[in-house]
Amino acid sequence: MQHNSNGTADLILALDALPLHLPPEQLKARLADLIRASVSQGAAAVAETVVRHFQALSLHPQLAADLDQRAAYCRGAHHWRGLAAIGERPVSHFTGRVPAGAL
């Protein structure tokens, strides 16, 4: 992440990538479509876009009053960020390993 002269992260670039201009209902509909698409395309293929939609919902001004809902969107973003990270690893990285919690 780029840092500006006073050492803070360049949040403007990060926020520009979020579809904050969309109304919450449209964000939720797109998010549902993306999650359904992950079944056929693979979670890693759509994970970054899903993360951006969860983040946009968690930061959306129209949803600011509902802290529980915002927290749920943050958890969703965290979960899908993990799926994106798993998708970036080569298959050989997982060969011979038992997934956490499988035993």
PDB file of N, CA and C in Angstrom:
ATOM      1  N   MET A   1       0.841  -1.174   0.000  1.00  0.00           N
ATOM      2  CA  MET A   1       0.000   0.000   0.000  1.00  0.00           C
ATOM      3  C   MET A   1       0.884   1.234   0.000  1.00  0.00           C
ATOM      4  N   GLN A   2       0.553   2.215  -0.778  1.00  0.00           N
ATOM      5  CA  GLN A   2       1.321   3.442  -0.852  1.00  0.00           C
ATOM      6  C   GLN A   2       1.108   4.275   0.408  1.00  0.00           C
ATOM      7  N   HIS A   3       2.157   4.966   0.833  1.00  0.00           N
ATOM      8  CA  HIS A   3       2.046   5.860   1.976  1.00  0.00           C
ATOM      9  C   HIS A   3       2.356   7.265   1.507  1.00  0.00           C
ATOM     10  N   ASN A   4       1.631   8.245   2.051  1.00  0.00           N
ATOM     11  CA  ASN A   4       1.909   9.616   1.673  1.00  0.00           C
ATOM     12  C   ASN A   4       2.945  10.195   2.613  1.00  0.00           C
ATOM     13  N   SER A   5       3.262  11.476   2.460  1.00  0.00           N
ATOM     14  CA  SER A   5       4.367  12.083   3.186  1.00  0.00           C
ATOM     15  C   SER A   5       4.187  12.078   4.702  1.00  0.00           C
ATOM     16  N   ASN A   6       2.968  12.059   5.207  1.00  0.00           N
ATOM     17  CA  ASN A   6       2.806  12.047   6.659  1.00  0.00           C
ATOM     18  C   ASN A   6       2.690  10.635   7.228  1.00  0.00           C
ATOM     19  N   GLY A   7       2.911   9.602   6.401  1.00  0.00           N
ATOM     20  CA  GLY A   7       2.962   8.229   6.881  1.00  0.00           C
ATOM     21  C   GLY A   7       1.635   7.504   6.916  1.00  0.00           C
ATOM     22  N   THR A   8       0.540   8.144   6.611  1.00  0.00           N
ATOM     23  CA  THR A   8      -0.752   7.453   6.610  1.00  0.00           C
ATOM     24  C   THR A   8      -0.975   6.769   5.276  1.00  0.00           C
ATOM     25  N   ALA A   9      -1.751   5.699   5.293  1.00  0.00           N
ATOM     26  CA  ALA A   9      -2.029   4.944   4.065  1.00  0.00           C
ATOM     27  C   ALA A   9      -2.838   5.804   3.110  1.00  0.00           C
ATOM     28  N   ASP A  10      -2.643   5.578   1.842  1.00  0.00           N
ATOM     29  CA  ASP A  10      -3.381   6.316   0.820  1.00  0.00           C
ATOM     30  C   ASP A  10      -4.764   5.688   0.657  1.00  0.00           C
ATOM     31  N   LEU A  11      -5.665   6.075   1.548  1.00  0.00           N
ATOM     32  CA  LEU A  11      -7.002   5.489   1.566  1.00  0.00           C
ATOM     33  C   LEU A  11      -7.849   5.928   0.384  1.00  0.00           C
ATOM     34  N   ILE A  12      -7.513   7.041  -0.224  1.00  0.00           N
ATOM     35  CA  ILE A  12      -8.303   7.518  -1.365  1.00  0.00           C
ATOM     36  C   ILE A  12      -8.276   6.497  -2.491  1.00  0.00           C
ATOM     37  N   LEU A  13      -7.102   5.942  -2.785  1.00  0.00           N
ATOM     38  CA  LEU A  13      -7.010   4.934  -3.844  1.00  0.00           C
ATOM     39  C   LEU A  13      -7.811   3.696  -3.485  1.00  0.00           C
ATOM     40  N   ALA A  14      -7.757   3.284  -2.237  1.00  0.00           N
ATOM     41  CA  ALA A  14      -8.497   2.096  -1.808  1.00  0.00           C
ATOM     42  C   ALA A  14     -10.002   2.335  -1.895  1.00  0.00           C
ATOM     43  N   LEU A  15     -10.455   3.501  -1.487  1.00  0.00           N
ATOM     44  CA  LEU A  15     -11.885   3.801  -1.533  1.00  0.00           C
ATOM     45  C   LEU A  15     -12.386   3.959  -2.959  1.00  0.00           C
ATOM     46  N   ASP A  16     -11.528   4.447  -3.859  1.00  0.00           N
ATOM     47  CA  ASP A  16     -11.923   4.591  -5.263  1.00  0.00           C
ATOM     48  C   ASP A  16     -12.277   3.252  -5.892  1.00  0.00           C
ATOM     49  N   ALA A  17     -11.683   2.169  -5.394  1.00  0.00           N
ATOM     50  CA  ALA A  17     -11.936   0.842  -5.960  1.00  0.00           C
ATOM     51  C   ALA A  17     -13.271   0.266  -5.487  1.00  0.00           C
ATOM     52  N   LEU A  18     -13.891   0.891  -4.496  1.00  0.00           N
ATOM     53  CA  LEU A  18     -15.149   0.387  -3.951  1.00  0.00           C
ATOM     54  C   LEU A  18     -16.334   1.004  -4.689  1.00  0.00           C
ATOM     55  N   PRO A  19     -17.360   0.207  -4.952  1.00  0.00           N
ATOM     56  CA  PRO A  19     -18.548   0.730  -5.647  1.00  0.00           C
ATOM     57  C   PRO A  19     -19.503   1.457  -4.687  1.00  0.00           C
ATOM     58  N   LEU A  20     -18.985   2.473  -3.981  1.00  0.00           N
ATOM     59  CA  LEU A  20     -19.785   3.188  -2.985  1.00  0.00           C
ATOM     60  C   LEU A  20     -20.892   4.036  -3.604  1.00  0.00           C
ATOM     61  N   HIS A  21     -20.819   4.273  -4.903  1.00  0.00           N
ATOM     62  CA  HIS A  21     -21.833   5.087  -5.576  1.00  0.00           C
ATOM     63  C   HIS A  21     -23.154   4.335  -5.759  1.00  0.00           C
ATOM     64  N   LEU A  22     -23.118   3.023  -5.604  1.00  0.00           N
ATOM     65  CA  LEU A  22     -24.328   2.215  -5.805  1.00  0.00           C
ATOM     66  C   LEU A  22     -25.188   2.206  -4.545  1.00  0.00           C
ATOM     67  N   PRO A  23     -26.511   2.137  -4.709  1.00  0.00           N
ATOM     68  CA  PRO A  23     -27.382   2.007  -3.534  1.00  0.00           C
ATOM     69  C   PRO A  23     -27.187   0.636  -2.884  1.00  0.00           C
ATOM     70  N   PRO A  24     -27.418   0.535  -1.573  1.00  0.00           N
ATOM     71  CA  PRO A  24     -27.205  -0.731  -0.865  1.00  0.00           C
ATOM     72  C   PRO A  24     -27.921  -1.924  -1.491  1.00  0.00           C
ATOM     73  N   GLU A  25     -29.148  -1.744  -1.936  1.00  0.00           N
ATOM     74  CA  GLU A  25     -29.889  -2.878  -2.508  1.00  0.00           C
ATOM     75  C   GLU A  25     -29.217  -3.405  -3.772  1.00  0.00           C
ATOM     76  N   GLN A  26     -28.659  -2.504  -4.574  1.00  0.00           N
ATOM     77  CA  GLN A  26     -27.957  -2.945  -5.782  1.00  0.00           C
ATOM     78  C   GLN A  26     -26.652  -3.650  -5.414  1.00  0.00           C
ATOM     79  N   LEU A  27     -25.959  -3.147  -4.399  1.00  0.00           N
ATOM     80  CA  LEU A  27     -24.741  -3.814  -3.927  1.00  0.00           C
ATOM     81  C   LEU A  27     -25.053  -5.225  -3.432  1.00  0.00           C
ATOM     82  N   LYS A  28     -26.144  -5.361  -2.677  1.00  0.00           N
ATOM     83  CA  LYS A  28     -26.533  -6.675  -2.157  1.00  0.00           C
ATOM     84  C   LYS A  28     -26.894  -7.629  -3.291  1.00  0.00           C
ATOM     85  N   ALA A  29     -27.586  -7.132  -4.303  1.00  0.00           N
ATOM     86  CA  ALA A  29     -27.957  -7.982  -5.445  1.00  0.00           C
ATOM     87  C   ALA A  29     -26.717  -8.427  -6.209  1.00  0.00           C
ATOM     88  N   ARG A  30     -25.788  -7.498  -6.429  1.00  0.00           N
ATOM     89  CA  ARG A  30     -24.540  -7.861  -7.119  1.00  0.00           C
ATOM     90  C   ARG A  30     -23.743  -8.864  -6.302  1.00  0.00           C
ATOM     91  N   LEU A  31     -23.701  -8.653  -4.988  1.00  0.00           N
ATOM     92  CA  LEU A  31     -22.979  -9.563  -4.104  1.00  0.00           C
ATOM     93  C   LEU A  31     -23.561 -10.967  -4.186  1.00  0.00           C
ATOM     94  N   ALA A  32     -24.874 -11.076  -4.171  1.00  0.00           N
ATOM     95  CA  ALA A  32     -25.526 -12.389  -4.287  1.00  0.00           C
ATOM     96  C   ALA A  32     -25.185 -13.046  -5.621  1.00  0.00           C
ATOM     97  N   ASP A  33     -25.191 -12.264  -6.706  1.00  0.00           N
ATOM     98  CA  ASP A  33     -24.830 -12.801  -8.023  1.00  0.00           C
ATOM     99  C   ASP A  33     -23.383 -13.291  -8.043  1.00  0.00           C
ATOM    100  N   LEU A  34     -22.489 -12.520  -7.432  1.00  0.00           N
ATOM    101  CA  LEU A  34     -21.074 -12.907  -7.395  1.00  0.00           C
ATOM    102  C   LEU A  34     -20.871 -14.199  -6.608  1.00  0.00           C
ATOM    103  N   ILE A  35     -21.547 -14.319  -5.489  1.00  0.00           N
ATOM    104  CA  ILE A  35     -21.399 -15.525  -4.670  1.00  0.00           C
ATOM    105  C   ILE A  35     -21.941 -16.735  -5.417  1.00  0.00           C
ATOM    106  N   ARG A  36     -23.054 -16.561  -6.115  1.00  0.00           N
ATOM    107  CA  ARG A  36     -23.574 -17.665  -6.943  1.00  0.00           C
ATOM    108  C   ARG A  36     -22.583 -18.007  -8.057  1.00  0.00           C
ATOM    109  N   ALA A  37     -21.965 -17.003  -8.654  1.00  0.00           N
ATOM    110  CA  ALA A  37     -20.990 -17.237  -9.722  1.00  0.00           C
ATOM    111  C   ALA A  37     -19.768 -17.982  -9.205  1.00  0.00           C
ATOM    112  N   SER A  38     -19.460 -17.808  -7.922  1.00  0.00           N
ATOM    113  CA  SER A  38     -18.282 -18.479  -7.368  1.00  0.00           C
ATOM    114  C   SER A  38     -18.427 -19.991  -7.396  1.00  0.00           C
ATOM    115  N   VAL A  39     -19.662 -20.484  -7.424  1.00  0.00           N
ATOM    116  CA  VAL A  39     -19.894 -21.932  -7.476  1.00  0.00           C
ATOM    117  C   VAL A  39     -19.378 -22.492  -8.792  1.00  0.00           C
ATOM    118  N   SER A  40     -19.647 -21.805  -9.889  1.00  0.00           N
ATOM    119  CA  SER A  40     -19.219 -22.312 -11.197  1.00  0.00           C
ATOM    120  C   SER A  40     -17.818 -21.851 -11.580  1.00  0.00           C
ATOM    121  N   GLN A  41     -17.433 -20.650 -11.171  1.00  0.00           N
ATOM    122  CA  GLN A  41     -16.135 -20.100 -11.573  1.00  0.00           C
ATOM    123  C   GLN A  41     -15.037 -20.351 -10.556  1.00  0.00           C
ATOM    124  N   GLY A  42     -15.403 -20.739  -9.366  1.00  0.00           N
ATOM    125  CA  GLY A  42     -14.436 -20.904  -8.288  1.00  0.00           C
ATOM    126  C   GLY A  42     -14.399 -19.649  -7.440  1.00  0.00           C
ATOM    127  N   ALA A  43     -14.312 -19.841  -6.147  1.00  0.00           N
ATOM    128  CA  ALA A  43     -14.349 -18.710  -5.219  1.00  0.00           C
ATOM    129  C   ALA A  43     -13.206 -17.738  -5.456  1.00  0.00           C
ATOM    130  N   ALA A  44     -12.015 -18.260  -5.729  1.00  0.00           N
ATOM    131  CA  ALA A  44     -10.855 -17.393  -5.906  1.00  0.00           C
ATOM    132  C   ALA A  44     -11.021 -16.455  -7.095  1.00  0.00           C
ATOM    133  N   ALA A  45     -11.745 -16.904  -8.124  1.00  0.00           N
ATOM    134  CA  ALA A  45     -11.918 -16.098  -9.335  1.00  0.00           C
ATOM    135  C   ALA A  45     -12.713 -14.825  -9.076  1.00  0.00           C
ATOM    136  N   VAL A  46     -13.616 -14.851  -8.136  1.00  0.00           N
ATOM    137  CA  VAL A  46     -14.470 -13.689  -7.873  1.00  0.00           C
ATOM    138  C   VAL A  46     -14.230 -13.080  -6.490  1.00  0.00           C
ATOM    139  N   ALA A  47     -13.307 -13.638  -5.730  1.00  0.00           N
ATOM    140  CA  ALA A  47     -13.132 -13.253  -4.325  1.00  0.00           C
ATOM    141  C   ALA A  47     -12.823 -11.774  -4.136  1.00  0.00           C
ATOM    142  N   GLU A  48     -11.926 -11.210  -4.919  1.00  0.00           N
ATOM    143  CA  GLU A  48     -11.566  -9.802  -4.735  1.00  0.00           C
ATOM    144  C   GLU A  48     -12.754  -8.884  -4.983  1.00  0.00           C
ATOM    145  N   THR A  49     -13.567  -9.209  -5.977  1.00  0.00           N
ATOM    146  CA  THR A  49     -14.755  -8.404  -6.261  1.00  0.00           C
ATOM    147  C   THR A  49     -15.771  -8.548  -5.135  1.00  0.00           C
ATOM    148  N   VAL A  50     -15.919  -9.753  -4.607  1.00  0.00           N
ATOM    149  CA  VAL A  50     -16.816  -9.975  -3.471  1.00  0.00           C
ATOM    150  C   VAL A  50     -16.343  -9.152  -2.270  1.00  0.00           C
ATOM    151  N   VAL A  51     -15.041  -9.153  -2.017  1.00  0.00           N
ATOM    152  CA  VAL A  51     -14.480  -8.374  -0.906  1.00  0.00           C
ATOM    153  C   VAL A  51     -14.828  -6.900  -1.074  1.00  0.00           C
ATOM    154  N   ARG A  52     -14.642  -6.361  -2.282  1.00  0.00           N
ATOM    155  CA  ARG A  52     -14.944  -4.943  -2.517  1.00  0.00           C
ATOM    156  C   ARG A  52     -16.420  -4.629  -2.260  1.00  0.00           C
ATOM    157  N   HIS A  53     -17.310  -5.537  -2.637  1.00  0.00           N
ATOM    158  CA  HIS A  53     -18.736  -5.307  -2.400  1.00  0.00           C
ATOM    159  C   HIS A  53     -19.071  -5.376  -0.906  1.00  0.00           C
ATOM    160  N   PHE A  54     -18.485  -6.333  -0.189  1.00  0.00           N
ATOM    161  CA  PHE A  54     -18.691  -6.387   1.261  1.00  0.00           C
ATOM    162  C   PHE A  54     -18.158  -5.109   1.924  1.00  0.00           C
ATOM    163  N   GLN A  55     -16.975  -4.654   1.489  1.00  0.00           N
ATOM    164  CA  GLN A  55     -16.404  -3.434   2.055  1.00  0.00           C
ATOM    165  C   GLN A  55     -17.294  -2.228   1.768  1.00  0.00           C
ATOM    166  N   ALA A  56     -17.801  -2.142   0.538  1.00  0.00           N
ATOM    167  CA  ALA A  56     -18.676  -1.022   0.187  1.00  0.00           C
ATOM    168  C   ALA A  56     -19.924  -1.016   1.064  1.00  0.00           C
ATOM    169  N   LEU A  57     -20.489  -2.188   1.307  1.00  0.00           N
ATOM    170  CA  LEU A  57     -21.667  -2.262   2.175  1.00  0.00           C
ATOM    171  C   LEU A  57     -21.322  -1.872   3.612  1.00  0.00           C
ATOM    172  N   SER A  58     -20.150  -2.274   4.085  1.00  0.00           N
ATOM    173  CA  SER A  58     -19.768  -1.953   5.466  1.00  0.00           C
ATOM    174  C   SER A  58     -19.496  -0.463   5.652  1.00  0.00           C
ATOM    175  N   LEU A  59     -19.159   0.232   4.571  1.00  0.00           N
ATOM    176  CA  LEU A  59     -18.851   1.665   4.643  1.00  0.00           C
ATOM    177  C   LEU A  59     -19.969   2.552   4.108  1.00  0.00           C
ATOM    178  N   HIS A  60     -21.027   1.959   3.608  1.00  0.00           N
ATOM    179  CA  HIS A  60     -22.069   2.738   2.935  1.00  0.00           C
ATOM    180  C   HIS A  60     -22.774   3.669   3.927  1.00  0.00           C
ATOM    181  N   PRO A  61     -22.889   4.953   3.584  1.00  0.00           N
ATOM    182  CA  PRO A  61     -23.511   5.911   4.505  1.00  0.00           C
ATOM    183  C   PRO A  61     -24.970   5.585   4.851  1.00  0.00           C
ATOM    184  N   GLN A  62     -25.699   4.967   3.942  1.00  0.00           N
ATOM    185  CA  GLN A  62     -27.100   4.634   4.214  1.00  0.00           C
ATOM    186  C   GLN A  62     -27.237   3.490   5.224  1.00  0.00           C
ATOM    187  N   LEU A  63     -26.154   2.760   5.469  1.00  0.00           N
ATOM    188  CA  LEU A  63     -26.192   1.632   6.404  1.00  0.00           C
ATOM    189  C   LEU A  63     -25.420   1.924   7.689  1.00  0.00           C
ATOM    190  N   ALA A  64     -24.983   3.167   7.862  1.00  0.00           N
ATOM    191  CA  ALA A  64     -24.106   3.530   8.976  1.00  0.00           C
ATOM    192  C   ALA A  64     -24.737   3.282  10.347  1.00  0.00           C
ATOM    193  N   ALA A  65     -26.041   3.378  10.461  1.00  0.00           N
ATOM    194  CA  ALA A  65     -26.695   3.249  11.767  1.00  0.00           C
ATOM    195  C   ALA A  65     -26.768   1.809  12.271  1.00  0.00           C
ATOM    196  N   ASP A  66     -26.673   0.834  11.395  1.00  0.00           N
ATOM    197  CA  ASP A  66     -26.822  -0.572  11.792  1.00  0.00           C
ATOM    198  C   ASP A  66     -25.446  -1.207  12.000  1.00  0.00           C
ATOM    199  N   LEU A  67     -24.946  -1.094  13.217  1.00  0.00           N
ATOM    200  CA  LEU A  67     -23.594  -1.577  13.515  1.00  0.00           C
ATOM    201  C   LEU A  67     -23.463  -3.084  13.374  1.00  0.00           C
ATOM    202  N   ASP A  68     -24.496  -3.833  13.745  1.00  0.00           N
ATOM    203  CA  ASP A  68     -24.442  -5.292  13.612  1.00  0.00           C
ATOM    204  C   ASP A  68     -24.334  -5.700  12.145  1.00  0.00           C
ATOM    205  N   GLN A  69     -25.100  -5.039  11.298  1.00  0.00           N
ATOM    206  CA  GLN A  69     -25.055  -5.347   9.870  1.00  0.00           C
ATOM    207  C   GLN A  69     -23.689  -4.981   9.291  1.00  0.00           C
ATOM    208  N   ARG A  70     -23.165  -3.831   9.688  1.00  0.00           N
ATOM    209  CA  ARG A  70     -21.843  -3.419   9.202  1.00  0.00           C
ATOM    210  C   ARG A  70     -20.769  -4.407   9.649  1.00  0.00           C
ATOM    211  N   ALA A  71     -20.869  -4.888  10.887  1.00  0.00           N
ATOM    212  CA  ALA A  71     -19.909  -5.874  11.388  1.00  0.00           C
ATOM    213  C   ALA A  71     -20.005  -7.169  10.590  1.00  0.00           C
ATOM    214  N   ALA A  72     -21.214  -7.567  10.234  1.00  0.00           N
ATOM    215  CA  ALA A  72     -21.392  -8.783   9.427  1.00  0.00           C
ATOM    216  C   ALA A  72     -20.745  -8.615   8.055  1.00  0.00           C
ATOM    217  N   TYR A  73     -20.871  -7.432   7.460  1.00  0.00           N
ATOM    218  CA  TYR A  73     -20.239  -7.192   6.162  1.00  0.00           C
ATOM    219  C   TYR A  73     -18.713  -7.219   6.291  1.00  0.00           C
ATOM    220  N   CYS A  74     -18.193  -6.706   7.394  1.00  0.00           N
ATOM    221  CA  CYS A  74     -16.740  -6.765   7.628  1.00  0.00           C
ATOM    222  C   CYS A  74     -16.270  -8.212   7.761  1.00  0.00           C
ATOM    223  N   ARG A  75     -17.049  -9.032   8.464  1.00  0.00           N
ATOM    224  CA  ARG A  75     -16.696 -10.456   8.590  1.00  0.00           C
ATOM    225  C   ARG A  75     -16.742 -11.144   7.228  1.00  0.00           C
ATOM    226  N   GLY A  76     -17.730 -10.802   6.417  1.00  0.00           N
ATOM    227  CA  GLY A  76     -17.816 -11.365   5.069  1.00  0.00           C
ATOM    228  C   GLY A  76     -16.600 -10.997   4.240  1.00  0.00           C
ATOM    229  N   ALA A  77     -16.183  -9.738   4.328  1.00  0.00           N
ATOM    230  CA  ALA A  77     -14.992  -9.297   3.592  1.00  0.00           C
ATOM    231  C   ALA A  77     -13.761 -10.064   4.062  1.00  0.00           C
ATOM    232  N   HIS A  78     -13.643 -10.245   5.377  1.00  0.00           N
ATOM    233  CA  HIS A  78     -12.506 -10.986   5.929  1.00  0.00           C
ATOM    234  C   HIS A  78     -12.485 -12.430   5.413  1.00  0.00           C
ATOM    235  N   HIS A  79     -13.635 -13.073   5.424  1.00  0.00           N
ATOM    236  CA  HIS A  79     -13.735 -14.459   4.949  1.00  0.00           C
ATOM    237  C   HIS A  79     -13.324 -14.564   3.477  1.00  0.00           C
ATOM    238  N   TRP A  80     -13.861 -13.690   2.649  1.00  0.00           N
ATOM    239  CA  TRP A  80     -13.567 -13.764   1.216  1.00  0.00           C
ATOM    240  C   TRP A  80     -12.141 -13.318   0.903  1.00  0.00           C
ATOM    241  N   ARG A  81     -11.553 -12.459   1.741  1.00  0.00           N
ATOM    242  CA  ARG A  81     -10.148 -12.098   1.570  1.00  0.00           C
ATOM    243  C   ARG A  81      -9.286 -13.339   1.781  1.00  0.00           C
ATOM    244  N   GLY A  82      -9.681 -14.176   2.742  1.00  0.00           N
ATOM    245  CA  GLY A  82      -8.982 -15.441   2.967  1.00  0.00           C
ATOM    246  C   GLY A  82      -9.113 -16.376   1.785  1.00  0.00           C
ATOM    247  N   LEU A  83     -10.303 -16.443   1.190  1.00  0.00           N
ATOM    248  CA  LEU A  83     -10.490 -17.277  -0.007  1.00  0.00           C
ATOM    249  C   LEU A  83      -9.630 -16.775  -1.158  1.00  0.00           C
ATOM    250  N   ALA A  84      -9.507 -15.465  -1.281  1.00  0.00           N
ATOM    251  CA  ALA A  84      -8.663 -14.902  -2.338  1.00  0.00           C
ATOM    252  C   ALA A  84      -7.207 -15.291  -2.114  1.00  0.00           C
ATOM    253  N   ALA A  85      -6.762 -15.261  -0.859  1.00  0.00           N
ATOM    254  CA  ALA A  85      -5.377 -15.620  -0.547  1.00  0.00           C
ATOM    255  C   ALA A  85      -5.113 -17.088  -0.840  1.00  0.00           C
ATOM    256  N   ILE A  86      -6.070 -17.941  -0.524  1.00  0.00           N
ATOM    257  CA  ILE A  86      -5.914 -19.368  -0.818  1.00  0.00           C
ATOM    258  C   ILE A  86      -5.816 -19.579  -2.323  1.00  0.00           C
ATOM    259  N   GLY A  87      -6.619 -18.846  -3.079  1.00  0.00           N
ATOM    260  CA  GLY A  87      -6.617 -18.975  -4.534  1.00  0.00           C
ATOM    261  C   GLY A  87      -5.324 -18.537  -5.182  1.00  0.00           C
ATOM    262  N   GLU A  88      -4.541 -17.699  -4.488  1.00  0.00           N
ATOM    263  CA  GLU A  88      -3.272 -17.223  -5.034  1.00  0.00           C
ATOM    264  C   GLU A  88      -2.149 -18.239  -4.868  1.00  0.00           C
ATOM    265  N   ARG A  89      -2.329 -19.227  -4.014  1.00  0.00           N
ATOM    266  CA  ARG A  89      -1.282 -20.224  -3.769  1.00  0.00           C
ATOM    267  C   ARG A  89      -1.355 -21.324  -4.822  1.00  0.00           C
ATOM    268  N   PRO A  90      -0.207 -21.830  -5.243  1.00  0.00           N
ATOM    269  CA  PRO A  90      -0.221 -22.941  -6.198  1.00  0.00           C
ATOM    270  C   PRO A  90      -0.792 -24.202  -5.553  1.00  0.00           C
ATOM    271  N   VAL A  91      -1.392 -25.050  -6.352  1.00  0.00           N
ATOM    272  CA  VAL A  91      -1.992 -26.291  -5.850  1.00  0.00           C
ATOM    273  C   VAL A  91      -0.961 -27.120  -5.103  1.00  0.00           C
ATOM    274  N   SER A  92       0.287 -27.125  -5.552  1.00  0.00           N
ATOM    275  CA  SER A  92       1.333 -27.918  -4.906  1.00  0.00           C
ATOM    276  C   SER A  92       1.542 -27.501  -3.453  1.00  0.00           C
ATOM    277  N   HIS A  93       1.160 -26.284  -3.103  1.00  0.00           N
ATOM    278  CA  HIS A  93       1.296 -25.801  -1.730  1.00  0.00           C
ATOM    279  C   HIS A  93       0.431 -26.625  -0.774  1.00  0.00           C
ATOM    280  N   PHE A  94      -0.680 -27.153  -1.260  1.00  0.00           N
ATOM    281  CA  PHE A  94      -1.616 -27.879  -0.415  1.00  0.00           C
ATOM    282  C   PHE A  94      -1.445 -29.390  -0.474  1.00  0.00           C
ATOM    283  N   THR A  95      -0.606 -29.899  -1.343  1.00  0.00           N
ATOM    284  CA  THR A  95      -0.451 -31.333  -1.525  1.00  0.00           C
ATOM    285  C   THR A  95       0.006 -31.986  -0.225  1.00  0.00           C
ATOM    286  N   GLY A  96      -0.739 -33.002   0.197  1.00  0.00           N
ATOM    287  CA  GLY A  96      -0.373 -33.756   1.387  1.00  0.00           C
ATOM    288  C   GLY A  96      -0.763 -33.109   2.694  1.00  0.00           C
ATOM    289  N   ARG A  97      -1.473 -32.006   2.644  1.00  0.00           N
ATOM    290  CA  ARG A  97      -1.866 -31.317   3.874  1.00  0.00           C
ATOM    291  C   ARG A  97      -3.343 -31.550   4.160  1.00  0.00           C
ATOM    292  N   VAL A  98      -3.637 -31.683   5.429  1.00  0.00           N
ATOM    293  CA  VAL A  98      -5.025 -31.816   5.862  1.00  0.00           C
ATOM    294  C   VAL A  98      -5.504 -30.415   6.231  1.00  0.00           C
ATOM    295  N   PRO A  99      -6.630 -29.977   5.674  1.00  0.00           N
ATOM    296  CA  PRO A  99      -7.130 -28.638   6.003  1.00  0.00           C
ATOM    297  C   PRO A  99      -7.399 -28.485   7.494  1.00  0.00           C
ATOM    298  N   ALA A 100      -7.158 -27.287   8.016  1.00  0.00           N
ATOM    299  CA  ALA A 100      -7.410 -27.002   9.426  1.00  0.00           C
ATOM    300  C   ALA A 100      -8.864 -27.293   9.753  1.00  0.00           C
ATOM    301  N   GLY A 101      -9.097 -27.938  10.855  1.00  0.00           N
ATOM    302  CA  GLY A 101     -10.450 -28.241  11.297  1.00  0.00           C
ATOM    303  C   GLY A 101     -11.039 -29.495  10.678  1.00  0.00           C
ATOM    304  N   ALA A 102     -10.291 -30.164   9.802  1.00  0.00           N
ATOM    305  CA  ALA A 102     -10.818 -31.356   9.133  1.00  0.00           C
ATOM    306  C   ALA A 102     -10.774 -32.585  10.031  1.00  0.00           C
ATOM    307  N   LEU A 103      -9.928 -32.554  11.038  1.00  0.00           N
ATOM    308  CA  LEU A 103      -9.806 -33.710  11.932  1.00  0.00           C
ATOM    309  C   LEU A 103     -10.568 -33.513  13.206  1.00  0.00           C
TER     310      LEU A 103
END
